[in-house]
Amino acid sequence: MKKMLMAALLMSAVVACAGDRLPKYTLYVNSEELVYGVMKRENPAGDANAVGDKHLRYRAYGLLQIRYLYLKDVNRIAGKDVQKVWGKKQLAMEDMKDPAKAKWAFHVYLWHYGENYRKITGKTPTVAIYARIHNGGPSGWKNKRTLAYAMAVIQNIEAMSRG
């Protein structure tokens, strides 16, 4: 638990220094809580260098366990913003071990697909919807298999709020 809180604080501190990097990709929920809830679900040890799912073709990297196809989408969605923000043409999988870059990628992805959700349904994305998209891809909010994941993220946020 201490490691996870330290990782969340570290990520918040890093992002606070990079605050001007996020405004375009603002979510409809408290993004710090969402990051914490997902981080605790994906990487309970709080290890920024974690590589998960080693048995799969596309491994998951960092505190948020981001995969190749997710990052490929982020690079496409953000386009020239990657260069403006990070000084490189595109982010690489190794970059997902950097908490600030991983959180930025997380915001870009969820902002984009959250807006798609809003256009399709006419509803504002919630923590559960964002969690389901993170877990199940662009249409993850439709997939029943992502419900348990979303509930786990919400429980993590509620537990953090209780102290």
N, C-alpha and C. Protein backbone atom coordinates (compact mmCIF):
# COMPACT_ATOMS: atom_id res chain seq x y z
N MET A 1 0.83 -1.20 0.00
CA MET A 1 0.00 0.00 0.00
C MET A 1 0.87 1.26 0.00
N LYS A 2 1.94 1.25 0.81
CA LYS A 2 2.82 2.40 0.88
C LYS A 2 3.47 2.66 -0.48
N LYS A 3 3.91 1.57 -1.14
CA LYS A 3 4.54 1.71 -2.45
C LYS A 3 3.57 2.34 -3.45
N MET A 4 2.33 1.90 -3.42
CA MET A 4 1.33 2.42 -4.36
C MET A 4 1.07 3.90 -4.10
N LEU A 5 0.95 4.29 -2.84
CA LEU A 5 0.73 5.69 -2.53
C LEU A 5 1.93 6.53 -2.95
N MET A 6 3.12 6.00 -2.73
CA MET A 6 4.33 6.72 -3.14
C MET A 6 4.36 6.87 -4.66
N ALA A 7 4.00 5.82 -5.38
CA ALA A 7 3.97 5.88 -6.85
C ALA A 7 2.95 6.91 -7.31
N ALA A 8 1.79 6.93 -6.67
CA ALA A 8 0.75 7.90 -7.04
C ALA A 8 1.22 9.32 -6.76
N LEU A 9 1.86 9.52 -5.62
CA LEU A 9 2.38 10.85 -5.29
C LEU A 9 3.48 11.26 -6.27
N LEU A 10 4.35 10.32 -6.60
CA LEU A 10 5.41 10.60 -7.57
C LEU A 10 4.80 10.99 -8.91
N MET A 11 3.82 10.23 -9.35
CA MET A 11 3.19 10.51 -10.63
C MET A 11 2.51 11.88 -10.59
N SER A 12 1.85 12.21 -9.50
CA SER A 12 1.19 13.50 -9.37
C SER A 12 2.20 14.64 -9.39
N ALA A 13 3.32 14.45 -8.70
CA ALA A 13 4.36 15.48 -8.66
C ALA A 13 4.97 15.68 -10.03
N VAL A 14 5.23 14.60 -10.72
CA VAL A 14 5.82 14.70 -12.06
C VAL A 14 4.86 15.41 -13.00
N VAL A 15 3.59 15.07 -12.91
CA VAL A 15 2.61 15.67 -13.80
C VAL A 15 2.36 17.12 -13.43
N ALA A 16 2.41 17.45 -12.14
CA ALA A 16 2.23 18.84 -11.73
C ALA A 16 3.28 19.72 -12.39
N CYS A 17 4.50 19.21 -12.52
CA CYS A 17 5.57 19.95 -13.19
C CYS A 17 5.30 20.07 -14.68
N ALA A 18 4.52 19.15 -15.21
CA ALA A 18 4.23 19.12 -16.64
C ALA A 18 2.78 19.52 -16.90
N GLY A 19 2.21 20.30 -16.01
CA GLY A 19 0.80 20.66 -16.08
C GLY A 19 0.36 21.24 -17.41
N ASP A 20 1.23 21.99 -18.06
CA ASP A 20 0.87 22.60 -19.33
C ASP A 20 0.80 21.58 -20.46
N ARG A 21 1.13 20.35 -20.18
CA ARG A 21 1.12 19.31 -21.21
C ARG A 21 -0.24 18.64 -21.35
N LEU A 22 -1.14 18.86 -20.42
CA LEU A 22 -2.38 18.09 -20.39
C LEU A 22 -3.67 18.81 -20.78
N PRO A 23 -3.76 20.14 -20.78
CA PRO A 23 -5.07 20.79 -20.91
C PRO A 23 -5.93 20.35 -22.08
N LYS A 24 -5.34 20.11 -23.24
CA LYS A 24 -6.13 19.72 -24.41
C LYS A 24 -6.84 18.39 -24.17
N TYR A 25 -6.27 17.55 -23.37
CA TYR A 25 -6.79 16.19 -23.18
C TYR A 25 -7.46 16.03 -21.82
N THR A 26 -8.29 16.98 -21.46
CA THR A 26 -8.96 16.97 -20.16
C THR A 26 -10.12 15.99 -20.16
N LEU A 27 -10.20 15.22 -19.09
CA LEU A 27 -11.28 14.24 -18.94
C LEU A 27 -12.43 14.86 -18.14
N TYR A 28 -13.58 14.21 -18.14
CA TYR A 28 -14.77 14.69 -17.44
C TYR A 28 -14.81 14.26 -15.98
N VAL A 29 -13.79 13.58 -15.52
CA VAL A 29 -13.75 13.09 -14.14
C VAL A 29 -12.46 13.57 -13.50
N ASN A 30 -12.32 13.34 -12.21
CA ASN A 30 -11.08 13.65 -11.51
C ASN A 30 -10.01 12.69 -12.02
N SER A 31 -9.13 13.20 -12.84
CA SER A 31 -8.16 12.31 -13.49
C SER A 31 -7.12 11.75 -12.52
N GLU A 32 -6.82 12.47 -11.46
CA GLU A 32 -5.86 11.94 -10.47
C GLU A 32 -6.44 10.70 -9.79
N GLU A 33 -7.73 10.77 -9.45
CA GLU A 33 -8.39 9.60 -8.86
C GLU A 33 -8.44 8.44 -9.85
N LEU A 34 -8.77 8.76 -11.09
CA LEU A 34 -8.84 7.72 -12.11
C LEU A 34 -7.49 7.05 -12.31
N VAL A 35 -6.43 7.85 -12.40
CA VAL A 35 -5.08 7.29 -12.55
C VAL A 35 -4.76 6.39 -11.36
N TYR A 36 -5.06 6.86 -10.17
CA TYR A 36 -4.79 6.05 -8.97
C TYR A 36 -5.55 4.73 -9.02
N GLY A 37 -6.84 4.79 -9.34
CA GLY A 37 -7.66 3.58 -9.37
C GLY A 37 -7.16 2.57 -10.39
N VAL A 38 -6.78 3.05 -11.56
CA VAL A 38 -6.26 2.17 -12.61
C VAL A 38 -4.88 1.64 -12.22
N MET A 39 -4.04 2.53 -11.70
CA MET A 39 -2.69 2.12 -11.29
C MET A 39 -2.75 1.01 -10.24
N LYS A 40 -3.61 1.19 -9.27
CA LYS A 40 -3.71 0.20 -8.20
C LYS A 40 -4.21 -1.13 -8.74
N ARG A 41 -5.07 -1.09 -9.73
CA ARG A 41 -5.59 -2.32 -10.35
C ARG A 41 -4.54 -2.98 -11.26
N GLU A 42 -3.86 -2.16 -12.04
CA GLU A 42 -2.91 -2.68 -13.03
C GLU A 42 -1.55 -3.05 -12.44
N ASN A 43 -1.11 -2.29 -11.45
CA ASN A 43 0.25 -2.43 -10.97
C ASN A 43 0.29 -2.20 -9.45
N PRO A 44 -0.28 -3.13 -8.68
CA PRO A 44 -0.38 -2.94 -7.23
C PRO A 44 0.95 -2.66 -6.54
N ALA A 45 2.04 -3.14 -7.10
CA ALA A 45 3.36 -2.91 -6.48
C ALA A 45 3.87 -1.50 -6.72
N GLY A 46 3.27 -0.77 -7.66
CA GLY A 46 3.71 0.60 -7.94
C GLY A 46 5.07 0.66 -8.60
N ASP A 47 5.39 -0.34 -9.41
CA ASP A 47 6.70 -0.42 -10.08
C ASP A 47 6.61 0.21 -11.47
N ALA A 48 7.22 1.39 -11.64
CA ALA A 48 7.18 2.10 -12.92
C ALA A 48 7.88 1.31 -14.03
N ASN A 49 8.76 0.41 -13.68
CA ASN A 49 9.48 -0.38 -14.68
C ASN A 49 8.84 -1.73 -14.96
N ALA A 50 7.66 -1.96 -14.42
CA ALA A 50 7.00 -3.26 -14.58
C ALA A 50 6.68 -3.55 -16.05
N VAL A 51 6.90 -4.80 -16.40
CA VAL A 51 6.51 -5.30 -17.72
C VAL A 51 5.60 -6.49 -17.46
N GLY A 52 4.37 -6.37 -17.90
CA GLY A 52 3.39 -7.42 -17.63
C GLY A 52 3.03 -8.22 -18.86
N ASP A 53 2.32 -9.29 -18.62
CA ASP A 53 1.82 -10.16 -19.69
C ASP A 53 2.92 -10.62 -20.63
N LYS A 54 4.01 -11.10 -20.04
CA LYS A 54 5.17 -11.52 -20.83
C LYS A 54 4.87 -12.68 -21.77
N HIS A 55 3.79 -13.40 -21.51
CA HIS A 55 3.41 -14.52 -22.35
C HIS A 55 2.63 -14.09 -23.60
N LEU A 56 2.20 -12.82 -23.63
CA LEU A 56 1.44 -12.31 -24.77
C LEU A 56 2.34 -11.63 -25.80
N ARG A 57 1.85 -11.50 -27.01
CA ARG A 57 2.62 -10.85 -28.07
C ARG A 57 2.94 -9.40 -27.70
N TYR A 58 1.93 -8.69 -27.21
CA TYR A 58 2.12 -7.29 -26.81
C TYR A 58 2.12 -7.20 -25.30
N ARG A 59 3.26 -6.95 -24.74
CA ARG A 59 3.39 -6.82 -23.29
C ARG A 59 2.84 -5.48 -22.84
N ALA A 60 2.63 -5.36 -21.54
CA ALA A 60 2.11 -4.13 -20.95
C ALA A 60 3.23 -3.50 -20.12
N TYR A 61 3.35 -2.17 -20.20
CA TYR A 61 4.48 -1.47 -19.58
C TYR A 61 4.06 -0.40 -18.59
N GLY A 62 4.83 -0.29 -17.52
CA GLY A 62 4.73 0.83 -16.59
C GLY A 62 3.62 0.73 -15.56
N LEU A 63 3.41 1.86 -14.90
CA LEU A 63 2.42 1.94 -13.82
C LEU A 63 1.00 1.70 -14.32
N LEU A 64 0.73 2.06 -15.57
CA LEU A 64 -0.62 1.93 -16.11
C LEU A 64 -0.75 0.74 -17.05
N GLN A 65 0.33 -0.02 -17.21
CA GLN A 65 0.35 -1.23 -18.03
C GLN A 65 -0.23 -0.98 -19.43
N ILE A 66 0.42 -0.08 -20.14
CA ILE A 66 0.01 0.31 -21.49
C ILE A 66 0.66 -0.62 -22.51
N ARG A 67 -0.13 -1.03 -23.50
CA ARG A 67 0.31 -1.95 -24.55
C ARG A 67 0.64 -1.20 -25.84
N TYR A 68 1.27 -1.92 -26.75
CA TYR A 68 1.71 -1.37 -28.03
C TYR A 68 0.57 -0.74 -28.84
N LEU A 69 -0.54 -1.45 -29.02
CA LEU A 69 -1.62 -0.93 -29.85
C LEU A 69 -2.25 0.33 -29.24
N TYR A 70 -2.31 0.38 -27.94
CA TYR A 70 -2.81 1.56 -27.20
C TYR A 70 -1.90 2.73 -27.51
N LEU A 71 -0.59 2.52 -27.37
CA LEU A 71 0.38 3.58 -27.61
C LEU A 71 0.40 3.99 -29.09
N LYS A 72 0.23 3.04 -29.97
CA LYS A 72 0.18 3.36 -31.40
C LYS A 72 -0.99 4.31 -31.66
N ASP A 73 -2.13 4.05 -31.03
CA ASP A 73 -3.29 4.95 -31.14
C ASP A 73 -2.96 6.32 -30.57
N VAL A 74 -2.30 6.36 -29.42
CA VAL A 74 -1.94 7.64 -28.79
C VAL A 74 -1.08 8.46 -29.75
N ASN A 75 -0.08 7.84 -30.35
CA ASN A 75 0.79 8.56 -31.28
C ASN A 75 0.00 9.09 -32.48
N ARG A 76 -0.96 8.32 -32.97
CA ARG A 76 -1.80 8.74 -34.09
C ARG A 76 -2.71 9.89 -33.67
N ILE A 77 -3.37 9.75 -32.53
CA ILE A 77 -4.31 10.76 -32.04
C ILE A 77 -3.60 12.08 -31.75
N ALA A 78 -2.49 12.01 -31.03
CA ALA A 78 -1.78 13.22 -30.61
C ALA A 78 -1.01 13.86 -31.76
N GLY A 79 -0.57 13.06 -32.72
CA GLY A 79 0.14 13.60 -33.88
C GLY A 79 1.31 14.48 -33.50
N LYS A 80 1.27 15.72 -33.96
CA LYS A 80 2.38 16.66 -33.72
C LYS A 80 2.49 17.10 -32.26
N ASP A 81 1.44 16.87 -31.48
CA ASP A 81 1.51 17.21 -30.05
C ASP A 81 2.61 16.42 -29.35
N VAL A 82 2.89 15.21 -29.82
CA VAL A 82 3.96 14.41 -29.20
C VAL A 82 5.27 15.17 -29.31
N GLN A 83 5.55 15.71 -30.48
CA GLN A 83 6.78 16.48 -30.70
C GLN A 83 6.79 17.73 -29.83
N LYS A 84 5.67 18.44 -29.80
CA LYS A 84 5.58 19.67 -29.02
C LYS A 84 5.80 19.42 -27.54
N VAL A 85 5.22 18.35 -27.04
CA VAL A 85 5.26 18.07 -25.60
C VAL A 85 6.54 17.34 -25.18
N TRP A 86 6.94 16.36 -25.97
CA TRP A 86 8.03 15.47 -25.55
C TRP A 86 9.31 15.61 -26.37
N GLY A 87 9.27 16.42 -27.44
CA GLY A 87 10.48 16.64 -28.23
C GLY A 87 10.90 15.45 -29.06
N LYS A 88 9.98 14.58 -29.36
CA LYS A 88 10.27 13.43 -30.20
C LYS A 88 9.08 13.15 -31.08
N LYS A 89 9.31 12.51 -32.21
CA LYS A 89 8.25 12.29 -33.19
C LYS A 89 7.12 11.43 -32.64
N GLN A 90 7.47 10.39 -31.87
CA GLN A 90 6.44 9.57 -31.25
C GLN A 90 6.98 8.92 -29.98
N LEU A 91 6.07 8.53 -29.12
CA LEU A 91 6.45 7.85 -27.89
C LEU A 91 6.68 6.37 -28.20
N ALA A 92 7.61 5.77 -27.46
CA ALA A 92 7.93 4.36 -27.61
C ALA A 92 7.46 3.60 -26.37
N MET A 93 7.41 2.29 -26.49
CA MET A 93 6.97 1.47 -25.35
C MET A 93 7.84 1.71 -24.12
N GLU A 94 9.11 1.88 -24.30
CA GLU A 94 10.01 2.14 -23.18
C GLU A 94 9.62 3.42 -22.44
N ASP A 95 9.03 4.38 -23.16
CA ASP A 95 8.57 5.63 -22.56
C ASP A 95 7.44 5.41 -21.55
N MET A 96 6.73 4.29 -21.67
CA MET A 96 5.62 4.04 -20.76
C MET A 96 6.11 3.68 -19.36
N LYS A 97 7.42 3.53 -19.20
CA LYS A 97 8.00 3.34 -17.87
C LYS A 97 8.25 4.68 -17.18
N ASP A 98 8.09 5.76 -17.91
CA ASP A 98 8.20 7.11 -17.37
C ASP A 98 6.80 7.54 -16.93
N PRO A 99 6.57 7.74 -15.64
CA PRO A 99 5.21 8.06 -15.16
C PRO A 99 4.55 9.24 -15.86
N ALA A 100 5.27 10.30 -16.14
CA ALA A 100 4.67 11.46 -16.79
C ALA A 100 4.23 11.14 -18.22
N LYS A 101 5.04 10.43 -18.96
CA LYS A 101 4.69 10.07 -20.33
C LYS A 101 3.55 9.07 -20.36
N ALA A 102 3.55 8.13 -19.44
CA ALA A 102 2.47 7.15 -19.37
C ALA A 102 1.15 7.83 -19.04
N LYS A 103 1.17 8.76 -18.11
CA LYS A 103 -0.06 9.45 -17.74
C LYS A 103 -0.55 10.32 -18.89
N TRP A 104 0.36 10.95 -19.60
CA TRP A 104 -0.03 11.76 -20.75
C TRP A 104 -0.69 10.88 -21.81
N ALA A 105 -0.08 9.73 -22.09
CA ALA A 105 -0.64 8.80 -23.07
C ALA A 105 -2.03 8.34 -22.62
N PHE A 106 -2.17 8.05 -21.35
CA PHE A 106 -3.45 7.63 -20.75
C PHE A 106 -4.51 8.70 -21.01
N HIS A 107 -4.16 9.96 -20.75
CA HIS A 107 -5.11 11.05 -20.96
C HIS A 107 -5.49 11.20 -22.43
N VAL A 108 -4.52 11.14 -23.31
CA VAL A 108 -4.78 11.28 -24.74
C VAL A 108 -5.76 10.20 -25.20
N TYR A 109 -5.46 8.97 -24.85
CA TYR A 109 -6.28 7.83 -25.27
C TYR A 109 -7.69 7.94 -24.72
N LEU A 110 -7.81 8.18 -23.43
CA LEU A 110 -9.14 8.23 -22.81
C LEU A 110 -9.93 9.46 -23.24
N TRP A 111 -9.25 10.57 -23.44
CA TRP A 111 -9.93 11.76 -23.93
C TRP A 111 -10.54 11.47 -25.30
N HIS A 112 -9.74 10.92 -26.21
CA HIS A 112 -10.20 10.64 -27.57
C HIS A 112 -11.37 9.66 -27.59
N TYR A 113 -11.20 8.52 -26.96
CA TYR A 113 -12.26 7.51 -27.00
C TYR A 113 -13.42 7.85 -26.08
N GLY A 114 -13.17 8.69 -25.06
CA GLY A 114 -14.26 9.21 -24.24
C GLY A 114 -15.15 10.14 -25.05
N GLU A 115 -14.53 10.95 -25.92
CA GLU A 115 -15.30 11.83 -26.81
C GLU A 115 -16.09 11.01 -27.82
N ASN A 116 -15.50 9.92 -28.32
CA ASN A 116 -16.25 9.03 -29.22
C ASN A 116 -17.47 8.46 -28.51
N TYR A 117 -17.28 8.02 -27.27
CA TYR A 117 -18.38 7.50 -26.46
C TYR A 117 -19.48 8.56 -26.34
N ARG A 118 -19.08 9.80 -26.07
CA ARG A 118 -20.03 10.90 -25.90
C ARG A 118 -20.82 11.15 -27.19
N LYS A 119 -20.14 11.10 -28.33
CA LYS A 119 -20.82 11.31 -29.62
C LYS A 119 -21.79 10.18 -29.93
N ILE A 120 -21.41 8.96 -29.60
CA ILE A 120 -22.26 7.79 -29.90
C ILE A 120 -23.47 7.73 -28.98
N THR A 121 -23.25 7.96 -27.69
CA THR A 121 -24.31 7.75 -26.71
C THR A 121 -25.03 9.02 -26.27
N GLY A 122 -24.38 10.16 -26.44
CA GLY A 122 -24.93 11.42 -25.94
C GLY A 122 -24.73 11.59 -24.45
N LYS A 123 -23.98 10.67 -23.83
CA LYS A 123 -23.73 10.72 -22.39
C LYS A 123 -22.29 11.14 -22.11
N THR A 124 -22.09 11.72 -20.94
CA THR A 124 -20.75 12.11 -20.51
C THR A 124 -20.05 10.89 -19.92
N PRO A 125 -18.79 10.65 -20.32
CA PRO A 125 -18.06 9.50 -19.76
C PRO A 125 -17.88 9.62 -18.24
N THR A 126 -17.95 8.50 -17.58
CA THR A 126 -17.76 8.41 -16.13
C THR A 126 -16.44 7.68 -15.85
N VAL A 127 -16.09 7.58 -14.60
CA VAL A 127 -14.91 6.81 -14.21
C VAL A 127 -15.03 5.39 -14.75
N ALA A 128 -16.20 4.79 -14.60
CA ALA A 128 -16.40 3.41 -15.06
C ALA A 128 -16.20 3.31 -16.57
N ILE A 129 -16.71 4.26 -17.32
CA ILE A 129 -16.58 4.23 -18.78
C ILE A 129 -15.11 4.36 -19.17
N TYR A 130 -14.40 5.32 -18.57
CA TYR A 130 -12.98 5.48 -18.88
C TYR A 130 -12.19 4.22 -18.52
N ALA A 131 -12.50 3.64 -17.37
CA ALA A 131 -11.80 2.41 -16.96
C ALA A 131 -12.05 1.29 -17.96
N ARG A 132 -13.28 1.17 -18.40
CA ARG A 132 -13.62 0.11 -19.37
C ARG A 132 -12.92 0.34 -20.71
N ILE A 133 -12.78 1.59 -21.11
CA ILE A 133 -12.05 1.89 -22.35
C ILE A 133 -10.57 1.56 -22.18
N HIS A 134 -10.01 1.95 -21.05
CA HIS A 134 -8.60 1.64 -20.80
C HIS A 134 -8.36 0.13 -20.84
N ASN A 135 -9.26 -0.61 -20.25
CA ASN A 135 -9.12 -2.06 -20.16
C ASN A 135 -9.48 -2.79 -21.45
N GLY A 136 -10.48 -2.32 -22.16
CA GLY A 136 -11.01 -3.07 -23.29
C GLY A 136 -10.86 -2.42 -24.65
N GLY A 137 -10.16 -1.31 -24.72
CA GLY A 137 -9.97 -0.65 -26.00
C GLY A 137 -11.07 0.34 -26.32
N PRO A 138 -11.05 0.89 -27.55
CA PRO A 138 -11.98 1.96 -27.93
C PRO A 138 -13.45 1.67 -27.67
N SER A 139 -13.86 0.42 -27.82
CA SER A 139 -15.26 0.05 -27.56
C SER A 139 -15.40 -0.75 -26.27
N GLY A 140 -14.42 -0.67 -25.41
CA GLY A 140 -14.43 -1.42 -24.16
C GLY A 140 -15.64 -1.13 -23.30
N TRP A 141 -16.22 0.06 -23.45
CA TRP A 141 -17.40 0.42 -22.66
C TRP A 141 -18.61 -0.44 -23.02
N LYS A 142 -18.56 -1.12 -24.15
CA LYS A 142 -19.66 -1.99 -24.56
C LYS A 142 -19.46 -3.44 -24.10
N ASN A 143 -18.25 -3.78 -23.77
CA ASN A 143 -17.87 -5.16 -23.50
C ASN A 143 -18.17 -5.56 -22.05
N LYS A 144 -18.99 -6.59 -21.87
CA LYS A 144 -19.34 -7.05 -20.52
C LYS A 144 -18.13 -7.49 -19.71
N ARG A 145 -17.10 -7.95 -20.40
CA ARG A 145 -15.89 -8.42 -19.69
C ARG A 145 -15.14 -7.30 -18.99
N THR A 146 -15.44 -6.04 -19.32
CA THR A 146 -14.75 -4.92 -18.68
C THR A 146 -15.48 -4.39 -17.44
N LEU A 147 -16.65 -4.91 -17.16
CA LEU A 147 -17.43 -4.44 -16.01
C LEU A 147 -16.71 -4.68 -14.68
N ALA A 148 -16.19 -5.88 -14.50
CA ALA A 148 -15.50 -6.20 -13.24
C ALA A 148 -14.26 -5.32 -13.07
N TYR A 149 -13.57 -5.06 -14.16
CA TYR A 149 -12.39 -4.19 -14.10
C TYR A 149 -12.80 -2.79 -13.63
N ALA A 150 -13.85 -2.25 -14.23
CA ALA A 150 -14.32 -0.92 -13.85
C ALA A 150 -14.72 -0.87 -12.37
N MET A 151 -15.39 -1.91 -11.90
CA MET A 151 -15.79 -1.95 -10.49
C MET A 151 -14.56 -1.99 -9.57
N ALA A 152 -13.52 -2.70 -9.98
CA ALA A 152 -12.29 -2.76 -9.19
C ALA A 152 -11.64 -1.37 -9.13
N VAL A 153 -11.63 -0.65 -10.25
CA VAL A 153 -11.06 0.70 -10.28
C VAL A 153 -11.85 1.62 -9.35
N ILE A 154 -13.17 1.54 -9.42
CA ILE A 154 -14.02 2.37 -8.56
C ILE A 154 -13.79 2.03 -7.08
N GLN A 155 -13.67 0.75 -6.76
CA GLN A 155 -13.40 0.34 -5.37
C GLN A 155 -12.06 0.88 -4.90
N ASN A 156 -11.06 0.89 -5.76
CA ASN A 156 -9.74 1.44 -5.40
C ASN A 156 -9.86 2.93 -5.09
N ILE A 157 -10.62 3.64 -5.88
CA ILE A 157 -10.80 5.09 -5.66
C ILE A 157 -11.55 5.31 -4.36
N GLU A 158 -12.60 4.55 -4.12
CA GLU A 158 -13.37 4.70 -2.87
C GLU A 158 -12.51 4.38 -1.66
N ALA A 159 -11.69 3.34 -1.75
CA ALA A 159 -10.80 2.98 -0.64
C ALA A 159 -9.81 4.10 -0.36
N MET A 160 -9.29 4.71 -1.41
CA MET A 160 -8.34 5.82 -1.24
C MET A 160 -9.05 7.00 -0.57
N SER A 161 -10.27 7.27 -0.96
CA SER A 161 -11.03 8.39 -0.40
C SER A 161 -11.31 8.19 1.09
N ARG A 162 -11.51 6.94 1.48
CA ARG A 162 -11.77 6.64 2.89
C ARG A 162 -10.51 6.75 3.72
N GLY A 163 -9.37 6.74 3.04
CA GLY A 163 -8.11 6.89 3.76
C GLY A 163 -7.50 5.62 4.05
